[in-house]
PDB file of N, CA and C in Angstrom:
ATOM      1  N   MET A   1    -136.651 137.951  58.936  1.00  0.00           N
ATOM      2  CA  MET A   1    -136.692 136.653  59.943  1.00  0.00           C
ATOM      3  C   MET A   1    -137.247 135.849  59.211  1.00  0.00           C
ATOM      4  N   ALA A   2    -136.735 134.605  58.715  1.00  0.00           N
ATOM      5  CA  ALA A   2    -137.530 133.904  58.033  1.00  0.00           C
ATOM      6  C   ALA A   2    -138.629 133.043  58.732  1.00  0.00           C
ATOM      7  N   ASN A   3    -139.734 132.196  58.084  1.00  0.00           N
ATOM      8  CA  ASN A   3    -140.322 131.705  58.490  1.00  0.00           C
ATOM      9  C   ASN A   3    -139.728 130.086  59.036  1.00  0.00           C
ATOM     10  N   THR A   4    -139.726 129.471  59.801  1.00  0.00           N
ATOM     11  CA  THR A   4    -139.181 127.838  60.183  1.00  0.00           C
ATOM     12  C   THR A   4    -140.338 127.596  60.862  1.00  0.00           C
ATOM     13  N   SER A   5    -140.311 126.161  60.646  1.00  0.00           N
ATOM     14  CA  SER A   5    -140.949 125.111  61.160  1.00  0.00           C
ATOM     15  C   SER A   5    -140.496 124.043  62.050  1.00  0.00           C
ATOM     16  N   LEU A   6    -140.770 124.330  63.144  1.00  0.00           N
ATOM     17  CA  LEU A   6    -139.874 123.223  64.170  1.00  0.00           C
ATOM     18  C   LEU A   6    -140.723 121.289  64.515  1.00  0.00           C
ATOM     19  N   PRO A   7    -140.203 120.577  65.006  1.00  0.00           N
ATOM     20  CA  PRO A   7    -141.283 119.605  64.680  1.00  0.00           C
ATOM     21  C   PRO A   7    -141.326 119.587  66.401  1.00  0.00           C
ATOM     22  N   THR A   8    -142.982 119.309  66.464  1.00  0.00           N
ATOM     23  CA  THR A   8    -143.362 119.474  67.713  1.00  0.00           C
ATOM     24  C   THR A   8    -144.461 118.069  67.955  1.00  0.00           C
ATOM     25  N   LYS A   9    -144.392 117.807  69.569  1.00  0.00           N
ATOM     26  CA  LYS A   9    -145.409 116.665  69.771  1.00  0.00           C
ATOM     27  C   LYS A   9    -146.749 117.361  70.173  1.00  0.00           C
ATOM     28  N   LYS A  10    -147.721 117.326  70.112  1.00  0.00           N
ATOM     29  CA  LYS A  10    -149.016 117.367  70.191  1.00  0.00           C
ATOM     30  C   LYS A  10    -148.953 116.822  72.499  1.00  0.00           C
ATOM     31  N   LEU A  11    -148.931 117.706  72.984  1.00  0.00           N
ATOM     32  CA  LEU A  11    -148.426 117.049  74.214  1.00  0.00           C
ATOM     33  C   LEU A  11    -149.584 117.621  75.161  1.00  0.00           C
ATOM     34  N   VAL A  12    -150.688 118.362  74.532  1.00  0.00           N
ATOM     35  CA  VAL A  12    -152.302 118.320  74.990  1.00  0.00           C
ATOM     36  C   VAL A  12    -152.784 118.286  74.629  1.00  0.00           C
ATOM     37  N   ILE A  13    -153.654 117.059  74.969  1.00  0.00           N
ATOM     38  CA  ILE A  13    -154.956 116.542  74.592  1.00  0.00           C
ATOM     39  C   ILE A  13    -156.217 117.868  74.748  1.00  0.00           C
ATOM     40  N   ALA A  14    -157.279 118.162  73.676  1.00  0.00           N
ATOM     41  CA  ALA A  14    -158.503 118.650  73.976  1.00  0.00           C
ATOM     42  C   ALA A  14    -159.240 117.523  74.785  1.00  0.00           C
ATOM     43  N   GLY A  15    -159.992 118.053  75.887  1.00  0.00           N
ATOM     44  CA  GLY A  15    -161.551 117.571  76.524  1.00  0.00           C
ATOM     45  C   GLY A  15    -160.773 116.925  77.411  1.00  0.00           C
ATOM     46  N   LYS A  16    -161.681 116.094  78.373  1.00  0.00           N
ATOM     47  CA  LYS A  16    -161.332 115.369  79.191  1.00  0.00           C
ATOM     48  C   LYS A  16    -161.653 113.688  79.242  1.00  0.00           C
ATOM     49  N   TYR A  17    -160.692 113.154  79.944  1.00  0.00           N
ATOM     50  CA  TYR A  17    -160.770 111.447  79.628  1.00  0.00           C
ATOM     51  C   TYR A  17    -160.499 111.040  81.167  1.00  0.00           C
ATOM     52  N   LYS A  18    -161.359 110.153  81.267  1.00  0.00           N
ATOM     53  CA  LYS A  18    -161.287 109.570  82.861  1.00  0.00           C
ATOM     54  C   LYS A  18    -160.163 108.822  82.756  1.00  0.00           C
ATOM     55  N   MET A  19    -159.705 108.325  84.034  1.00  0.00           N
ATOM     56  CA  MET A  19    -158.494 107.668  83.978  1.00  0.00           C
ATOM     57  C   MET A  19    -158.979 106.486  84.705  1.00  0.00           C
ATOM     58  N   PRO A  20    -158.549 105.312  84.143  1.00  0.00           N
ATOM     59  CA  PRO A  20    -159.001 104.050  84.905  1.00  0.00           C
ATOM     60  C   PRO A  20    -158.719 103.588  85.913  1.00  0.00           C
ATOM     61  N   LYS A  21    -159.500 103.061  86.879  1.00  0.00           N
ATOM     62  CA  LYS A  21    -159.296 103.076  87.837  1.00  0.00           C
ATOM     63  C   LYS A  21    -158.434 101.869  88.675  1.00  0.00           C
ATOM     64  N   ARG A  22    -158.858 100.536  87.379  1.00  0.00           N
ATOM     65  CA  ARG A  22    -158.100  99.279  87.628  1.00  0.00           C
ATOM     66  C   ARG A  22    -157.851  98.750  85.915  1.00  0.00           C
ATOM     67  N   VAL A  23    -156.457  97.800  86.012  1.00  0.00           N
ATOM     68  CA  VAL A  23    -156.183  97.062  84.614  1.00  0.00           C
ATOM     69  C   VAL A  23    -156.239  96.165  84.994  1.00  0.00           C
ATOM     70  N   GLN A  24    -156.510  95.131  83.929  1.00  0.00           N
ATOM     71  CA  GLN A  24    -155.948  93.217  84.371  1.00  0.00           C
ATOM     72  C   GLN A  24    -155.226  92.936  83.632  1.00  0.00           C
ATOM     73  N   ALA A  25    -153.853  91.991  83.172  1.00  0.00           N
ATOM     74  CA  ALA A  25    -153.407  92.058  82.062  1.00  0.00           C
ATOM     75  C   ALA A  25    -154.545  90.540  81.642  1.00  0.00           C
ATOM     76  N   LYS A  26    -153.912  90.621  79.964  1.00  0.00           N
ATOM     77  CA  LYS A  26    -154.911  89.854  79.012  1.00  0.00           C
ATOM     78  C   LYS A  26    -153.968  88.635  78.911  1.00  0.00           C
ATOM     79  N   THR A  27    -152.671  88.971  78.717  1.00  0.00           N
ATOM     80  CA  THR A  27    -150.936  88.229  79.457  1.00  0.00           C
ATOM     81  C   THR A  27    -150.250  88.847  80.085  1.00  0.00           C
ATOM     82  N   ALA A  28    -149.335  87.519  80.604  1.00  0.00           N
ATOM     83  CA  ALA A  28    -148.079  87.858  81.531  1.00  0.00           C
ATOM     84  C   ALA A  28    -147.836  89.572  80.670  1.00  0.00           C
ATOM     85  N   ILE A  29    -147.275  89.985  81.847  1.00  0.00           N
ATOM     86  CA  ILE A  29    -146.698  91.313  81.520  1.00  0.00           C
ATOM     87  C   ILE A  29    -145.733  91.487  82.642  1.00  0.00           C
ATOM     88  N   ASN A  30    -144.744  92.609  82.734  1.00  0.00           N
ATOM     89  CA  ASN A  30    -144.027  93.079  83.239  1.00  0.00           C
ATOM     90  C   ASN A  30    -143.969  94.461  83.921  1.00  0.00           C
ATOM     91  N   ARG A  31    -143.794  94.386  84.837  1.00  0.00           N
ATOM     92  CA  ARG A  31    -143.396  95.915  85.718  1.00  0.00           C
ATOM     93  C   ARG A  31    -141.704  96.383  85.733  1.00  0.00           C
ATOM     94  N   TYR A  32    -141.857  97.509  85.137  1.00  0.00           N
ATOM     95  CA  TYR A  32    -140.845  98.496  85.087  1.00  0.00           C
ATOM     96  C   TYR A  32    -140.688  99.708  86.185  1.00  0.00           C
ATOM     97  N   GLY A  33    -139.483  99.886  86.208  1.00  0.00           N
ATOM     98  CA  GLY A  33    -138.949 101.077  87.265  1.00  0.00           C
ATOM     99  C   GLY A  33    -139.090 102.456  86.097  1.00  0.00           C
ATOM    100  N   THR A  34    -139.185 102.278  85.014  1.00  0.00           N
ATOM    101  CA  THR A  34    -139.326 104.116  84.345  1.00  0.00           C
ATOM    102  C   THR A  34    -140.138 104.005  83.629  1.00  0.00           C
ATOM    103  N   ALA A  35    -140.653 105.196  82.546  1.00  0.00           N
ATOM    104  CA  ALA A  35    -141.852 104.842  82.143  1.00  0.00           C
ATOM    105  C   ALA A  35    -141.675 104.662  80.194  1.00  0.00           C
ATOM    106  N   ASN A  36    -139.839 104.560  80.394  1.00  0.00           N
ATOM    107  CA  ASN A  36    -139.426 103.923  78.947  1.00  0.00           C
ATOM    108  C   ASN A  36    -139.153 102.345  79.228  1.00  0.00           C
ATOM    109  N   LEU A  37    -140.316 101.904  80.079  1.00  0.00           N
ATOM    110  CA  LEU A  37    -140.236 100.055  80.410  1.00  0.00           C
ATOM    111  C   LEU A  37    -138.470  99.806  80.526  1.00  0.00           C
ATOM    112  N   THR A  38    -137.382 100.601  81.090  1.00  0.00           N
ATOM    113  CA  THR A  38    -136.638 100.225  81.384  1.00  0.00           C
ATOM    114  C   THR A  38    -136.022  99.281  83.348  1.00  0.00           C
ATOM    115  N   LYS A  39    -135.533  98.954  83.615  1.00  0.00           N
ATOM    116  CA  LYS A  39    -135.026  98.802  84.690  1.00  0.00           C
ATOM    117  C   LYS A  39    -136.714  97.620  85.376  1.00  0.00           C
ATOM    118  N   LYS A  40    -136.684  96.552  84.607  1.00  0.00           N
ATOM    119  CA  LYS A  40    -137.577  95.568  84.887  1.00  0.00           C
ATOM    120  C   LYS A  40    -137.189  94.938  86.211  1.00  0.00           C
ATOM    121  N   ASN A  41    -138.911  95.180  87.391  1.00  0.00           N
ATOM    122  CA  ASN A  41    -138.272  95.123  88.760  1.00  0.00           C
ATOM    123  C   ASN A  41    -139.581  93.766  88.638  1.00  0.00           C
ATOM    124  N   LYS A  42    -140.421  92.999  87.873  1.00  0.00           N
ATOM    125  CA  LYS A  42    -141.094  92.490  88.891  1.00  0.00           C
ATOM    126  C   LYS A  42    -141.985  91.832  87.465  1.00  0.00           C
ATOM    127  N   HIS A  43    -142.537  90.089  86.938  1.00  0.00           N
ATOM    128  CA  HIS A  43    -142.910  89.878  86.259  1.00  0.00           C
ATOM    129  C   HIS A  43    -144.473  89.326  86.541  1.00  0.00           C
ATOM    130  N   PHE A  44    -145.745  89.417  86.023  1.00  0.00           N
ATOM    131  CA  PHE A  44    -146.481  89.253  86.953  1.00  0.00           C
ATOM    132  C   PHE A  44    -147.652  88.544  85.461  1.00  0.00           C
ATOM    133  N   ALA A  45    -148.508  87.364  86.112  1.00  0.00           N
ATOM    134  CA  ALA A  45    -149.211  86.195  85.170  1.00  0.00           C
ATOM    135  C   ALA A  45    -150.699  87.129  84.678  1.00  0.00           C
ATOM    136  N   LYS A  46    -150.897  86.451  83.658  1.00  0.00           N
ATOM    137  CA  LYS A  46    -152.088  86.712  82.922  1.00  0.00           C
ATOM    138  C   LYS A  46    -153.109  86.907  83.991  1.00  0.00           C
ATOM    139  N   LYS A  47    -154.157  87.624  84.012  1.00  0.00           N
ATOM    140  CA  LYS A  47    -155.535  88.086  84.052  1.00  0.00           C
ATOM    141  C   LYS A  47    -154.779  88.897  86.039  1.00  0.00           C
ATOM    142  N   SER A  48    -153.341  89.244  86.243  1.00  0.00           N
ATOM    143  CA  SER A  48    -153.306  89.875  87.183  1.00  0.00           C
ATOM    144  C   SER A  48    -154.222  90.880  87.213  1.00  0.00           C
ATOM    145  N   THR A  49    -154.337  92.178  88.155  1.00  0.00           N
ATOM    146  CA  THR A  49    -155.295  92.896  88.417  1.00  0.00           C
ATOM    147  C   THR A  49    -154.315  94.009  88.913  1.00  0.00           C
ATOM    148  N   PHE A  50    -154.462  95.302  87.986  1.00  0.00           N
ATOM    149  CA  PHE A  50    -153.561  96.332  88.996  1.00  0.00           C
ATOM    150  C   PHE A  50    -154.395  97.588  89.165  1.00  0.00           C
ATOM    151  N   THR A  51    -153.917  98.639  90.330  1.00  0.00           N
ATOM    152  CA  THR A  51    -154.845  99.885  90.485  1.00  0.00           C
ATOM    153  C   THR A  51    -154.393 100.670  90.028  1.00  0.00           C
ATOM    154  N   ILE A  52    -154.681 101.655  89.461  1.00  0.00           N
ATOM    155  CA  ILE A  52    -153.830 103.070  88.950  1.00  0.00           C
ATOM    156  C   ILE A  52    -153.617 104.049  89.306  1.00  0.00           C
ATOM    157  N   LYS A  53    -152.041 104.614  89.771  1.00  0.00           N
ATOM    158  CA  LYS A  53    -151.809 105.924  90.299  1.00  0.00           C
ATOM    159  C   LYS A  53    -152.103 107.164  89.621  1.00  0.00           C
ATOM    160  N   GLY A  54    -152.037 106.801  88.479  1.00  0.00           N
ATOM    161  CA  GLY A  54    -151.677 107.343  87.350  1.00  0.00           C
ATOM    162  C   GLY A  54    -150.490 107.023  85.841  1.00  0.00           C
ATOM    163  N   TRP A  55    -150.659 108.008  85.173  1.00  0.00           N
ATOM    164  CA  TRP A  55    -150.235 107.826  83.768  1.00  0.00           C
ATOM    165  C   TRP A  55    -149.180 108.737  83.200  1.00  0.00           C
ATOM    166  N   ALA A  56    -148.193 108.126  82.416  1.00  0.00           N
ATOM    167  CA  ALA A  56    -146.971 108.871  81.915  1.00  0.00           C
ATOM    168  C   ALA A  56    -146.765 108.712  80.742  1.00  0.00           C
ATOM    169  N   TYR A  57    -145.953 108.886  79.657  1.00  0.00           N
ATOM    170  CA  TYR A  57    -146.002 108.835  77.970  1.00  0.00           C
ATOM    171  C   TYR A  57    -144.190 108.450  77.955  1.00  0.00           C
ATOM    172  N   SER A  58    -144.122 107.558  77.486  1.00  0.00           N
ATOM    173  CA  SER A  58    -142.399 107.160  77.182  1.00  0.00           C
ATOM    174  C   SER A  58    -142.061 108.593  76.243  1.00  0.00           C
ATOM    175  N   ASN A  59    -140.889 108.717  75.948  1.00  0.00           N
ATOM    176  CA  ASN A  59    -139.944 109.520  75.071  1.00  0.00           C
ATOM    177  C   ASN A  59    -140.714 110.483  75.699  1.00  0.00           C
ATOM    178  N   THR A  60    -140.765 111.255  76.914  1.00  0.00           N
ATOM    179  CA  THR A  60    -141.757 112.619  76.630  1.00  0.00           C
ATOM    180  C   THR A  60    -140.741 113.831  76.048  1.00  0.00           C
ATOM    181  N   ASN A  61    -139.453 113.713  75.885  1.00  0.00           N
ATOM    182  CA  ASN A  61    -138.165 114.776  75.730  1.00  0.00           C
ATOM    183  C   ASN A  61    -137.206 114.642  74.452  1.00  0.00           C
ATOM    184  N   ASN A  62    -137.937 113.030  73.767  1.00  0.00           N
ATOM    185  CA  ASN A  62    -137.236 112.696  71.793  1.00  0.00           C
ATOM    186  C   ASN A  62    -138.147 113.164  71.375  1.00  0.00           C
ATOM    187  N   PHE A  63    -137.865 113.904  70.460  1.00  0.00           N
ATOM    188  CA  PHE A  63    -138.860 114.258  69.058  1.00  0.00           C
ATOM    189  C   PHE A  63    -138.740 113.941  68.304  1.00  0.00           C
ATOM    190  N   ARG A  64    -137.684 112.698  68.128  1.00  0.00           N
ATOM    191  CA  ARG A  64    -137.360 111.639  67.001  1.00  0.00           C
ATOM    192  C   ARG A  64    -138.926 110.255  67.409  1.00  0.00           C
ATOM    193  N   LYS A  65    -138.700 110.130  68.746  1.00  0.00           N
ATOM    194  CA  LYS A  65    -139.478 108.876  68.813  1.00  0.00           C
ATOM    195  C   LYS A  65    -140.999 109.505  69.207  1.00  0.00           C
ATOM    196  N   GLY A  66    -141.791 108.464  68.779  1.00  0.00           N
ATOM    197  CA  GLY A  66    -143.647 108.670  69.539  1.00  0.00           C
ATOM    198  C   GLY A  66    -143.402 108.415  70.841  1.00  0.00           C
ATOM    199  N   ASP A  67    -144.538 109.112  71.505  1.00  0.00           N
ATOM    200  CA  ASP A  67    -145.054 108.724  72.835  1.00  0.00           C
ATOM    201  C   ASP A  67    -145.373 107.879  72.721  1.00  0.00           C
ATOM    202  N   THR A  68    -145.599 106.755  73.919  1.00  0.00           N
ATOM    203  CA  THR A  68    -146.596 105.525  74.169  1.00  0.00           C
ATOM    204  C   THR A  68    -146.918 105.424  75.541  1.00  0.00           C
ATOM    205  N   LEU A  69    -148.336 105.490  76.266  1.00  0.00           N
ATOM    206  CA  LEU A  69    -149.177 105.783  77.315  1.00  0.00           C
ATOM    207  C   LEU A  69    -148.438 104.844  77.711  1.00  0.00           C
ATOM    208  N   ARG A  70    -147.746 104.563  79.297  1.00  0.00           N
ATOM    209  CA  ARG A  70    -147.897 104.087  80.340  1.00  0.00           C
ATOM    210  C   ARG A  70    -148.614 104.417  81.528  1.00  0.00           C
ATOM    211  N   TYR A  71    -148.767 103.373  82.230  1.00  0.00           N
ATOM    212  CA  TYR A  71    -150.158 103.111  83.945  1.00  0.00           C
ATOM    213  C   TYR A  71    -148.764 103.044  84.690  1.00  0.00           C
ATOM    214  N   LYS A  72    -149.012 104.201  85.801  1.00  0.00           N
ATOM    215  CA  LYS A  72    -148.422 104.483  86.974  1.00  0.00           C
ATOM    216  C   LYS A  72    -149.298 103.422  87.960  1.00  0.00           C
ATOM    217  N   VAL A  73    -148.498 102.337  88.535  1.00  0.00           N
ATOM    218  CA  VAL A  73    -148.622 101.241  89.540  1.00  0.00           C
ATOM    219  C   VAL A  73    -148.040 100.972  90.546  1.00  0.00           C
ATOM    220  N   ALA A  74    -148.709 100.592  91.375  1.00  0.00           N
ATOM    221  CA  ALA A  74    -148.051 100.665  92.680  1.00  0.00           C
ATOM    222  C   ALA A  74    -146.324  99.839  92.338  1.00  0.00           C
ATOM    223  N   GLY A  75    -144.774 100.652  92.858  1.00  0.00           N
ATOM    224  CA  GLY A  75    -143.666  99.651  92.310  1.00  0.00           C
ATOM    225  C   GLY A  75    -143.080  99.693  91.151  1.00  0.00           C
ATOM    226  N   GLY A  76    -143.840 100.975  90.293  1.00  0.00           N
ATOM    227  CA  GLY A  76    -143.631 101.250  88.617  1.00  0.00           C
ATOM    228  C   GLY A  76    -144.443 101.288  87.968  1.00  0.00           C
ATOM    229  N   TYR A  77    -143.909 100.970  86.444  1.00  0.00           N
ATOM    230  CA  TYR A  77    -144.655 101.228  84.995  1.00  0.00           C
ATOM    231  C   TYR A  77    -145.178  99.726  84.534  1.00  0.00           C
ATOM    232  N   ILE A  78    -145.726 100.054  83.903  1.00  0.00           N
ATOM    233  CA  ILE A  78    -146.887  99.000  83.426  1.00  0.00           C
ATOM    234  C   ILE A  78    -146.784  99.364  81.933  1.00  0.00           C
ATOM    235  N   THR A  79    -147.167  99.000  80.539  1.00  0.00           N
ATOM    236  CA  THR A  79    -147.678  99.059  79.258  1.00  0.00           C
ATOM    237  C   THR A  79    -149.505  99.913  79.454  1.00  0.00           C
ATOM    238  N   GLY A  80    -149.522 100.731  78.241  1.00  0.00           N
ATOM    239  CA  GLY A  80    -150.748 101.422  78.105  1.00  0.00           C
ATOM    240  C   GLY A  80    -151.470 100.613  77.179  1.00  0.00           C
ATOM    241  N   ASN A  81    -150.615  99.466  76.365  1.00  0.00           N
ATOM    242  CA  ASN A  81    -151.024  99.152  74.987  1.00  0.00           C
ATOM    243  C   ASN A  81    -152.446  98.027  75.541  1.00  0.00           C
ATOM    244  N   SER A  82    -153.594  98.488  74.770  1.00  0.00           N
ATOM    245  CA  SER A  82    -154.237  97.961  74.737  1.00  0.00           C
ATOM    246  C   SER A  82    -155.026  96.095  74.704  1.00  0.00           C
ATOM    247  N   ARG A  83    -153.893  95.911  73.901  1.00  0.00           N
ATOM    248  CA  ARG A  83    -153.600  94.551  73.141  1.00  0.00           C
ATOM    249  C   ARG A  83    -153.118  93.392  74.570  1.00  0.00           C
ATOM    250  N   PHE A  84    -152.372  94.463  75.695  1.00  0.00           N
ATOM    251  CA  PHE A  84    -152.133  93.337  76.192  1.00  0.00           C
ATOM    252  C   PHE A  84    -152.911  93.632  77.718  1.00  0.00           C
ATOM    253  N   ILE A  85    -153.209  94.755  77.890  1.00  0.00           N
ATOM    254  CA  ILE A  85    -154.028  94.970  78.821  1.00  0.00           C
ATOM    255  C   ILE A  85    -155.746  95.086  79.051  1.00  0.00           C
ATOM    256  N   LYS A  86    -156.820  95.339  80.104  1.00  0.00           N
ATOM    257  CA  LYS A  86    -157.971  95.633  79.671  1.00  0.00           C
ATOM    258  C   LYS A  86    -158.375  96.372  80.978  1.00  0.00           C
ATOM    259  N   THR A  87    -158.950  97.705  80.795  1.00  0.00           N
ATOM    260  CA  THR A  87    -159.418  98.771  81.697  1.00  0.00           C
ATOM    261  C   THR A  87    -160.554  98.518  81.848  1.00  0.00           C
ATOM    262  N   PHE A  88    -160.553  98.986  83.425  1.00  0.00           N
ATOM    263  CA  PHE A  88    -161.827  98.967  84.028  1.00  0.00           C
ATOM    264  C   PHE A  88    -162.190 100.590  84.548  1.00  0.00           C
ATOM    265  N   ARG A  89    -162.945 101.201  84.906  1.00  0.00           N
ATOM    266  CA  ARG A  89    -163.568 102.091  85.282  1.00  0.00           C
ATOM    267  C   ARG A  89    -163.893 102.705  86.616  1.00  0.00           C
TER     268      ARG A  89
END
């Protein structure tokens, strides 16, 4: 049997991370129905505040694309990119 290496994503991160309780939009952002940011369902103005219910990663089953952090909020998902949001613990 030959040694084969398969591309894998790092799905488990060592250590503990505290989930932020709230985030505030630095710019105007959209809320989407899925973690891949499809099915836009609402637009929010700058400085809107969201309560975080959990998080997810986009493209979790696609090994050809990188996964990106998304925050689960009431009604859908928003980006986890620090250029667009500010977190509060």
